[in-house]
Amino acid sequence: ENHLGAGIPKEEAEKLGLPPRDYIPKTLEEKIVAHAD
């Protein structure tokens, strides 16, 4: 859910038409996969 780019903050997610919440990778594993992408 949180792998897109370096994460999408809530305000930006709303503008993109996504459900309004943070899509920010928080754990080390989330960050590694997101950035490998």
ModelCIF file with pLDDT and N, C-alpha, C, O atoms, coordinates in Angstrom:
data_MODEL
#
_entry.id   MODEL 
#
_entity.id                         1 
_entity.type                       polymer 
_entity.pdbx_number_of_molecules   1 
#
_entity_poly.entity_id                      1 
_entity_poly.type                           'polypeptide(L)' 
_entity_poly.nstd_linkage                   no 
_entity_poly.nstd_monomer                   no 
_entity_poly.pdbx_seq_one_letter_code       ENHLGAGIPKEEAEKLGLPPRDYIPKTLEEKIVAHAD 
_entity_poly.pdbx_seq_one_letter_code_can   ENHLGAGIPKEEAEKLGLPPRDYIPKTLEEKIVAHAD 
_entity_poly.pdbx_strand_id                 A 
#
loop_
_entity_poly_seq.entity_id 
_entity_poly_seq.num 
_entity_poly_seq.mon_id 
_entity_poly_seq.hetero 
1 1  GLU n 
1 2  ASN n 
1 3  HIS n 
1 4  LEU n 
1 5  GLY n 
1 6  ALA n 
1 7  GLY n 
1 8  ILE n 
1 9  PRO n 
1 10 LYS n 
1 11 GLU n 
1 12 GLU n 
1 13 ALA n 
1 14 GLU n 
1 15 LYS n 
1 16 LEU n 
1 17 GLY n 
1 18 LEU n 
1 19 PRO n 
1 20 PRO n 
1 21 ARG n 
1 22 ASP n 
1 23 TYR n 
1 24 ILE n 
1 25 PRO n 
1 26 LYS n 
1 27 THR n 
1 28 LEU n 
1 29 GLU n 
1 30 GLU n 
1 31 LYS n 
1 32 ILE n 
1 33 VAL n 
1 34 ALA n 
1 35 HIS n 
1 36 ALA n 
1 37 ASP n 
#
_struct_asym.id          A 
_struct_asym.entity_id   1 
#
loop_
_ma_qa_metric.id 
_ma_qa_metric.mode 
_ma_qa_metric.name 
_ma_qa_metric.software_group_id 
_ma_qa_metric.type 
1 global pLDDT . pLDDT 
2 local  pLDDT . pLDDT 
#
_ma_qa_metric_global.metric_id      1 
_ma_qa_metric_global.metric_value   90.84 
_ma_qa_metric_global.model_id       1 
_ma_qa_metric_global.ordinal_id     1 
#
loop_
_ma_qa_metric_local.label_asym_id 
_ma_qa_metric_local.label_comp_id 
_ma_qa_metric_local.label_seq_id 
_ma_qa_metric_local.metric_id 
_ma_qa_metric_local.metric_value 
_ma_qa_metric_local.model_id 
_ma_qa_metric_local.ordinal_id 
A GLU 1  2 94.00 1 1  
A ASN 2  2 94.00 1 2  
A HIS 3  2 93.00 1 3  
A LEU 4  2 88.00 1 4  
A GLY 5  2 79.00 1 5  
A ALA 6  2 85.00 1 6  
A GLY 7  2 87.00 1 7  
A ILE 8  2 89.00 1 8  
A PRO 9  2 89.00 1 9  
A LYS 10 2 89.00 1 10 
A GLU 11 2 89.00 1 11 
A GLU 12 2 88.00 1 12 
A ALA 13 2 88.00 1 13 
A GLU 14 2 89.00 1 14 
A LYS 15 2 86.00 1 15 
A LEU 16 2 86.00 1 16 
A GLY 17 2 87.00 1 17 
A LEU 18 2 89.00 1 18 
A PRO 19 2 89.00 1 19 
A PRO 20 2 89.00 1 20 
A ARG 21 2 88.00 1 21 
A ASP 22 2 90.00 1 22 
A TYR 23 2 92.00 1 23 
A ILE 24 2 92.00 1 24 
A PRO 25 2 94.00 1 25 
A LYS 26 2 93.00 1 26 
A THR 27 2 94.00 1 27 
A LEU 28 2 95.00 1 28 
A GLU 29 2 96.00 1 29 
A GLU 30 2 96.00 1 30 
A LYS 31 2 96.00 1 31 
A ILE 32 2 96.00 1 32 
A VAL 33 2 96.00 1 33 
A ALA 34 2 95.00 1 34 
A HIS 35 2 94.00 1 35 
A ALA 36 2 94.00 1 36 
A ASP 37 2 93.00 1 37 
#
loop_
_atom_site.group_PDB 
_atom_site.id 
_atom_site.type_symbol 
_atom_site.label_atom_id 
_atom_site.label_alt_id 
_atom_site.label_comp_id 
_atom_site.label_asym_id 
_atom_site.label_entity_id 
_atom_site.label_seq_id 
_atom_site.pdbx_PDB_ins_code 
_atom_site.Cartn_x 
_atom_site.Cartn_y 
_atom_site.Cartn_z 
_atom_site.occupancy 
_atom_site.B_iso_or_equiv 
_atom_site.pdbx_formal_charge 
_atom_site.auth_seq_id 
_atom_site.auth_comp_id 
_atom_site.auth_asym_id 
_atom_site.auth_atom_id 
_atom_site.pdbx_PDB_model_num 
ATOM 1   N N  . GLU A 1 1  ? 0.809  -1.220 0.000  1.00 94.00 ? 1  GLU A N  1 
ATOM 2   C CA . GLU A 1 1  ? 0.000  0.000  0.000  1.00 94.00 ? 1  GLU A CA 1 
ATOM 3   C C  . GLU A 1 1  ? 0.844  1.273  0.000  1.00 94.00 ? 1  GLU A C  1 
ATOM 4   O O  . GLU A 1 1  ? 0.425  2.298  -0.537 1.00 94.00 ? 1  GLU A O  1 
ATOM 5   N N  . ASN A 1 2  ? 2.032  1.208  0.601  1.00 94.00 ? 2  ASN A N  1 
ATOM 6   C CA . ASN A 1 2  ? 2.836  2.418  0.789  1.00 94.00 ? 2  ASN A CA 1 
ATOM 7   C C  . ASN A 1 2  ? 4.089  2.456  -0.082 1.00 94.00 ? 2  ASN A C  1 
ATOM 8   O O  . ASN A 1 2  ? 5.021  3.201  0.222  1.00 94.00 ? 2  ASN A O  1 
ATOM 9   N N  . HIS A 1 3  ? 4.133  1.672  -1.155 1.00 93.00 ? 3  HIS A N  1 
ATOM 10  C CA . HIS A 1 3  ? 5.368  1.570  -1.924 1.00 93.00 ? 3  HIS A CA 1 
ATOM 11  C C  . HIS A 1 3  ? 5.526  2.620  -3.017 1.00 93.00 ? 3  HIS A C  1 
ATOM 12  O O  . HIS A 1 3  ? 6.582  2.693  -3.644 1.00 93.00 ? 3  HIS A O  1 
ATOM 13  N N  . LEU A 1 4  ? 4.517  3.423  -3.255 1.00 88.00 ? 4  LEU A N  1 
ATOM 14  C CA . LEU A 1 4  ? 4.563  4.357  -4.382 1.00 88.00 ? 4  LEU A CA 1 
ATOM 15  C C  . LEU A 1 4  ? 5.551  5.493  -4.127 1.00 88.00 ? 4  LEU A C  1 
ATOM 16  O O  . LEU A 1 4  ? 5.372  6.278  -3.196 1.00 88.00 ? 4  LEU A O  1 
ATOM 17  N N  . GLY A 1 5  ? 6.588  5.578  -4.949 1.00 79.00 ? 5  GLY A N  1 
ATOM 18  C CA . GLY A 1 5  ? 7.581  6.632  -4.814 1.00 79.00 ? 5  GLY A CA 1 
ATOM 19  C C  . GLY A 1 5  ? 8.249  6.583  -3.460 1.00 79.00 ? 5  GLY A C  1 
ATOM 20  O O  . GLY A 1 5  ? 8.718  5.535  -3.017 1.00 79.00 ? 5  GLY A O  1 
ATOM 21  N N  . ALA A 1 6  ? 8.288  7.734  -2.806 1.00 85.00 ? 6  ALA A N  1 
ATOM 22  C CA . ALA A 1 6  ? 8.818  7.808  -1.446 1.00 85.00 ? 6  ALA A CA 1 
ATOM 23  C C  . ALA A 1 6  ? 7.675  7.993  -0.467 1.00 85.00 ? 6  ALA A C  1 
ATOM 24  O O  . ALA A 1 6  ? 7.856  8.504  0.638  1.00 85.00 ? 6  ALA A O  1 
ATOM 25  N N  . GLY A 1 7  ? 6.488  7.566  -0.896 1.00 87.00 ? 7  GLY A N  1 
ATOM 26  C CA . GLY A 1 7  ? 5.304  7.723  -0.065 1.00 87.00 ? 7  GLY A CA 1 
ATOM 27  C C  . GLY A 1 7  ? 4.479  8.928  -0.494 1.00 87.00 ? 7  GLY A C  1 
ATOM 28  O O  . GLY A 1 7  ? 5.005  9.875  -1.079 1.00 87.00 ? 7  GLY A O  1 
ATOM 29  N N  . ILE A 1 8  ? 3.203  8.887  -0.204 1.00 89.00 ? 8  ILE A N  1 
ATOM 30  C CA . ILE A 1 8  ? 2.299  9.974  -0.575 1.00 89.00 ? 8  ILE A CA 1 
ATOM 31  C C  . ILE A 1 8  ? 1.628  10.509 0.691  1.00 89.00 ? 8  ILE A C  1 
ATOM 32  O O  . ILE A 1 8  ? 0.892  9.773  1.348  1.00 89.00 ? 8  ILE A O  1 
ATOM 33  N N  . PRO A 1 9  ? 1.867  11.773 1.047  1.00 89.00 ? 9  PRO A N  1 
ATOM 34  C CA . PRO A 1 9  ? 1.206  12.341 2.228  1.00 89.00 ? 9  PRO A CA 1 
ATOM 35  C C  . PRO A 1 9  ? -0.285 12.526 1.991  1.00 89.00 ? 9  PRO A C  1 
ATOM 36  O O  . PRO A 1 9  ? -0.743 12.528 0.848  1.00 89.00 ? 9  PRO A O  1 
ATOM 37  N N  . LYS A 1 10 ? -1.030 12.680 3.062  1.00 89.00 ? 10 LYS A N  1 
ATOM 38  C CA . LYS A 1 10 ? -2.488 12.733 3.011  1.00 89.00 ? 10 LYS A CA 1 
ATOM 39  C C  . LYS A 1 10 ? -3.005 13.816 2.068  1.00 89.00 ? 10 LYS A C  1 
ATOM 40  O O  . LYS A 1 10 ? -3.901 13.559 1.264  1.00 89.00 ? 10 LYS A O  1 
ATOM 41  N N  . GLU A 1 11 ? -2.449 15.024 2.161  1.00 89.00 ? 11 GLU A N  1 
ATOM 42  C CA . GLU A 1 11 ? -2.942 16.130 1.343  1.00 89.00 ? 11 GLU A CA 1 
ATOM 43  C C  . GLU A 1 11 ? -2.785 15.827 -0.146 1.00 89.00 ? 11 GLU A C  1 
ATOM 44  O O  . GLU A 1 11 ? -3.672 16.109 -0.952 1.00 89.00 ? 11 GLU A O  1 
ATOM 45  N N  . GLU A 1 12 ? -1.631 15.246 -0.492 1.00 88.00 ? 12 GLU A N  1 
ATOM 46  C CA . GLU A 1 12 ? -1.372 14.903 -1.887 1.00 88.00 ? 12 GLU A CA 1 
ATOM 47  C C  . GLU A 1 12 ? -2.260 13.753 -2.338 1.00 88.00 ? 12 GLU A C  1 
ATOM 48  O O  . GLU A 1 12 ? -2.722 13.723 -3.479 1.00 88.00 ? 12 GLU A O  1 
ATOM 49  N N  . ALA A 1 13 ? -2.496 12.802 -1.431 1.00 88.00 ? 13 ALA A N  1 
ATOM 50  C CA . ALA A 1 13 ? -3.347 11.656 -1.757 1.00 88.00 ? 13 ALA A CA 1 
ATOM 51  C C  . ALA A 1 13 ? -4.753 12.120 -2.124 1.00 88.00 ? 13 ALA A C  1 
ATOM 52  O O  . ALA A 1 13 ? -5.353 11.609 -3.069 1.00 88.00 ? 13 ALA A O  1 
ATOM 53  N N  . GLU A 1 14 ? -5.274 13.090 -1.375 1.00 89.00 ? 14 GLU A N  1 
ATOM 54  C CA . GLU A 1 14 ? -6.612 13.619 -1.665 1.00 89.00 ? 14 GLU A CA 1 
ATOM 55  C C  . GLU A 1 14 ? -6.665 14.249 -3.051 1.00 89.00 ? 14 GLU A C  1 
ATOM 56  O O  . GLU A 1 14 ? -7.630 14.056 -3.790 1.00 89.00 ? 14 GLU A O  1 
ATOM 57  N N  . LYS A 1 15 ? -5.616 15.010 -3.404 1.00 86.00 ? 15 LYS A N  1 
ATOM 58  C CA . LYS A 1 15 ? -5.577 15.643 -4.718 1.00 86.00 ? 15 LYS A CA 1 
ATOM 59  C C  . LYS A 1 15 ? -5.524 14.614 -5.839 1.00 86.00 ? 15 LYS A C  1 
ATOM 60  O O  . LYS A 1 15 ? -6.020 14.856 -6.939 1.00 86.00 ? 15 LYS A O  1 
ATOM 61  N N  . LEU A 1 16 ? -4.915 13.457 -5.550 1.00 86.00 ? 16 LEU A N  1 
ATOM 62  C CA . LEU A 1 16 ? -4.791 12.397 -6.549 1.00 86.00 ? 16 LEU A CA 1 
ATOM 63  C C  . LEU A 1 16 ? -6.026 11.501 -6.608 1.00 86.00 ? 16 LEU A C  1 
ATOM 64  O O  . LEU A 1 16 ? -6.092 10.580 -7.423 1.00 86.00 ? 16 LEU A O  1 
ATOM 65  N N  . GLY A 1 17 ? -7.003 11.774 -5.742 1.00 87.00 ? 17 GLY A N  1 
ATOM 66  C CA . GLY A 1 17 ? -8.229 10.989 -5.742 1.00 87.00 ? 17 GLY A CA 1 
ATOM 67  C C  . GLY A 1 17 ? -8.141 9.705  -4.945 1.00 87.00 ? 17 GLY A C  1 
ATOM 68  O O  . GLY A 1 17 ? -8.987 8.822  -5.087 1.00 87.00 ? 17 GLY A O  1 
ATOM 69  N N  . LEU A 1 18 ? -7.119 9.594  -4.105 1.00 89.00 ? 18 LEU A N  1 
ATOM 70  C CA . LEU A 1 18 ? -6.977 8.410  -3.258 1.00 89.00 ? 18 LEU A CA 1 
ATOM 71  C C  . LEU A 1 18 ? -7.699 8.629  -1.937 1.00 89.00 ? 18 LEU A C  1 
ATOM 72  O O  . LEU A 1 18 ? -7.914 9.775  -1.543 1.00 89.00 ? 18 LEU A O  1 
ATOM 73  N N  . PRO A 1 19 ? -8.077 7.566  -1.245 1.00 89.00 ? 19 PRO A N  1 
ATOM 74  C CA . PRO A 1 19 ? -8.670 7.726  0.083  1.00 89.00 ? 19 PRO A CA 1 
ATOM 75  C C  . PRO A 1 19 ? -7.768 8.594  0.953  1.00 89.00 ? 19 PRO A C  1 
ATOM 76  O O  . PRO A 1 19 ? -6.554 8.389  0.964  1.00 89.00 ? 19 PRO A O  1 
ATOM 77  N N  . PRO A 1 20 ? -8.328 9.557  1.681  1.00 89.00 ? 20 PRO A N  1 
ATOM 78  C CA . PRO A 1 20 ? -7.519 10.547 2.404  1.00 89.00 ? 20 PRO A CA 1 
ATOM 79  C C  . PRO A 1 20 ? -6.796 9.991  3.631  1.00 89.00 ? 20 PRO A C  1 
ATOM 80  O O  . PRO A 1 20 ? -7.358 9.927  4.724  1.00 89.00 ? 20 PRO A O  1 
ATOM 81  N N  . ARG A 1 21 ? -5.563 9.599  3.433  1.00 88.00 ? 21 ARG A N  1 
ATOM 82  C CA . ARG A 1 21 ? -4.699 9.193  4.536  1.00 88.00 ? 21 ARG A CA 1 
ATOM 83  C C  . ARG A 1 21 ? -3.255 9.212  4.052  1.00 88.00 ? 21 ARG A C  1 
ATOM 84  O O  . ARG A 1 21 ? -2.998 9.358  2.857  1.00 88.00 ? 21 ARG A O  1 
ATOM 85  N N  . ASP A 1 22 ? -2.321 9.065  4.972  1.00 90.00 ? 22 ASP A N  1 
ATOM 86  C CA . ASP A 1 22 ? -0.906 9.016  4.601  1.00 90.00 ? 22 ASP A CA 1 
ATOM 87  C C  . ASP A 1 22 ? -0.551 7.658  4.015  1.00 90.00 ? 22 ASP A C  1 
ATOM 88  O O  . ASP A 1 22 ? -0.936 6.619  4.550  1.00 90.00 ? 22 ASP A O  1 
ATOM 89  N N  . TYR A 1 23 ? 0.186  7.677  2.915  1.00 92.00 ? 23 TYR A N  1 
ATOM 90  C CA . TYR A 1 23 ? 0.722  6.454  2.316  1.00 92.00 ? 23 TYR A CA 1 
ATOM 91  C C  . TYR A 1 23 ? 2.252  6.569  2.350  1.00 92.00 ? 23 TYR A C  1 
ATOM 92  O O  . TYR A 1 23 ? 2.924  6.543  1.319  1.00 92.00 ? 23 TYR A O  1 
ATOM 93  N N  . ILE A 1 24 ? 2.762  6.693  3.547  1.00 92.00 ? 24 ILE A N  1 
ATOM 94  C CA . ILE A 1 24 ? 4.188  6.903  3.754  1.00 92.00 ? 24 ILE A CA 1 
ATOM 95  C C  . ILE A 1 24 ? 4.814  5.630  4.322  1.00 92.00 ? 24 ILE A C  1 
ATOM 96  O O  . ILE A 1 24 ? 4.341  5.122  5.338  1.00 92.00 ? 24 ILE A O  1 
ATOM 97  N N  . PRO A 1 25 ? 5.863  5.103  3.692  1.00 94.00 ? 25 PRO A N  1 
ATOM 98  C CA . PRO A 1 25 ? 6.534  3.933  4.270  1.00 94.00 ? 25 PRO A CA 1 
ATOM 99  C C  . PRO A 1 25 ? 7.192  4.307  5.594  1.00 94.00 ? 25 PRO A C  1 
ATOM 100 O O  . PRO A 1 25 ? 7.928  5.290  5.672  1.00 94.00 ? 25 PRO A O  1 
ATOM 101 N N  . LYS A 1 26 ? 6.924  3.521  6.634  1.00 93.00 ? 26 LYS A N  1 
ATOM 102 C CA . LYS A 1 26 ? 7.418  3.869  7.971  1.00 93.00 ? 26 LYS A CA 1 
ATOM 103 C C  . LYS A 1 26 ? 8.502  2.908  8.460  1.00 93.00 ? 26 LYS A C  1 
ATOM 104 O O  . LYS A 1 26 ? 9.521  3.351  8.990  1.00 93.00 ? 26 LYS A O  1 
ATOM 105 N N  . THR A 1 27 ? 8.301  1.622  8.294  1.00 94.00 ? 27 THR A N  1 
ATOM 106 C CA . THR A 1 27 ? 9.301  0.681  8.781  1.00 94.00 ? 27 THR A CA 1 
ATOM 107 C C  . THR A 1 27 ? 10.460 0.575  7.795  1.00 94.00 ? 27 THR A C  1 
ATOM 108 O O  . THR A 1 27 ? 10.348 0.971  6.635  1.00 94.00 ? 27 THR A O  1 
ATOM 109 N N  . LEU A 1 28 ? 11.558 0.041  8.275  1.00 95.00 ? 28 LEU A N  1 
ATOM 110 C CA . LEU A 1 28 ? 12.730 -0.121 7.417  1.00 95.00 ? 28 LEU A CA 1 
ATOM 111 C C  . LEU A 1 28 ? 12.406 -0.978 6.203  1.00 95.00 ? 28 LEU A C  1 
ATOM 112 O O  . LEU A 1 28 ? 12.833 -0.664 5.092  1.00 95.00 ? 28 LEU A O  1 
ATOM 113 N N  . GLU A 1 29 ? 11.658 -2.055 6.402  1.00 96.00 ? 29 GLU A N  1 
ATOM 114 C CA . GLU A 1 29 ? 11.312 -2.944 5.291  1.00 96.00 ? 29 GLU A CA 1 
ATOM 115 C C  . GLU A 1 29 ? 10.459 -2.231 4.251  1.00 96.00 ? 29 GLU A C  1 
ATOM 116 O O  . GLU A 1 29 ? 10.668 -2.410 3.051  1.00 96.00 ? 29 GLU A O  1 
ATOM 117 N N  . GLU A 1 30 ? 9.509  -1.430 4.695  1.00 96.00 ? 30 GLU A N  1 
ATOM 118 C CA . GLU A 1 30 ? 8.679  -0.661 3.763  1.00 96.00 ? 30 GLU A CA 1 
ATOM 119 C C  . GLU A 1 30 ? 9.532  0.307  2.947  1.00 96.00 ? 30 GLU A C  1 
ATOM 120 O O  . GLU A 1 30 ? 9.363  0.424  1.733  1.00 96.00 ? 30 GLU A O  1 
ATOM 121 N N  . LYS A 1 31 ? 10.440 0.993  3.617  1.00 96.00 ? 31 LYS A N  1 
ATOM 122 C CA . LYS A 1 31 ? 11.287 1.983  2.944  1.00 96.00 ? 31 LYS A CA 1 
ATOM 123 C C  . LYS A 1 31 ? 12.198 1.322  1.917  1.00 96.00 ? 31 LYS A C  1 
ATOM 124 O O  . LYS A 1 31 ? 12.392 1.853  0.824  1.00 96.00 ? 31 LYS A O  1 
ATOM 125 N N  . ILE A 1 32 ? 12.753 0.172  2.263  1.00 96.00 ? 32 ILE A N  1 
ATOM 126 C CA . ILE A 1 32 ? 13.666 -0.513 1.340  1.00 96.00 ? 32 ILE A CA 1 
ATOM 127 C C  . ILE A 1 32 ? 12.944 -0.926 0.064  1.00 96.00 ? 32 ILE A C  1 
ATOM 128 O O  . ILE A 1 32 ? 13.456 -0.709 -1.035 1.00 96.00 ? 32 ILE A O  1 
ATOM 129 N N  . VAL A 1 33 ? 11.769 -1.516 0.196  1.00 96.00 ? 33 VAL A N  1 
ATOM 130 C CA . VAL A 1 33 ? 11.035 -1.959 -0.993 1.00 96.00 ? 33 VAL A CA 1 
ATOM 131 C C  . VAL A 1 33 ? 10.601 -0.757 -1.834 1.00 96.00 ? 33 VAL A C  1 
ATOM 132 O O  . VAL A 1 33 ? 10.730 -0.775 -3.058 1.00 96.00 ? 33 VAL A O  1 
ATOM 133 N N  . ALA A 1 34 ? 10.092 0.274  -1.184 1.00 95.00 ? 34 ALA A N  1 
ATOM 134 C CA . ALA A 1 34 ? 9.651  1.461  -1.921 1.00 95.00 ? 34 ALA A CA 1 
ATOM 135 C C  . ALA A 1 34 ? 10.808 2.062  -2.717 1.00 95.00 ? 34 ALA A C  1 
ATOM 136 O O  . ALA A 1 34 ? 10.643 2.445  -3.875 1.00 95.00 ? 34 ALA A O  1 
ATOM 137 N N  . HIS A 1 35 ? 11.979 2.139  -2.084 1.00 94.00 ? 35 HIS A N  1 
ATOM 138 C CA . HIS A 1 35 ? 13.092 2.790  -2.775 1.00 94.00 ? 35 HIS A CA 1 
ATOM 139 C C  . HIS A 1 35 ? 13.732 1.881  -3.818 1.00 94.00 ? 35 HIS A C  1 
ATOM 140 O O  . HIS A 1 35 ? 14.231 2.362  -4.835 1.00 94.00 ? 35 HIS A O  1 
ATOM 141 N N  . ALA A 1 36 ? 13.723 0.588  -3.578 1.00 94.00 ? 36 ALA A N  1 
ATOM 142 C CA . ALA A 1 36 ? 14.212 -0.329 -4.614 1.00 94.00 ? 36 ALA A CA 1 
ATOM 143 C C  . ALA A 1 36 ? 13.377 -0.160 -5.876 1.00 94.00 ? 36 ALA A C  1 
ATOM 144 O O  . ALA A 1 36 ? 13.910 -0.209 -6.985 1.00 94.00 ? 36 ALA A O  1 
ATOM 145 N N  . ASP A 1 37 ? 12.083 0.036  -5.717 1.00 93.00 ? 37 ASP A N  1 
ATOM 146 C CA . ASP A 1 37 ? 11.192 0.280  -6.849 1.00 93.00 ? 37 ASP A CA 1 
ATOM 147 C C  . ASP A 1 37 ? 11.558 1.589  -7.554 1.00 93.00 ? 37 ASP A C  1 
ATOM 148 O O  . ASP A 1 37 ? 10.915 1.962  -8.535 1.00 93.00 ? 37 ASP A O  1 
#
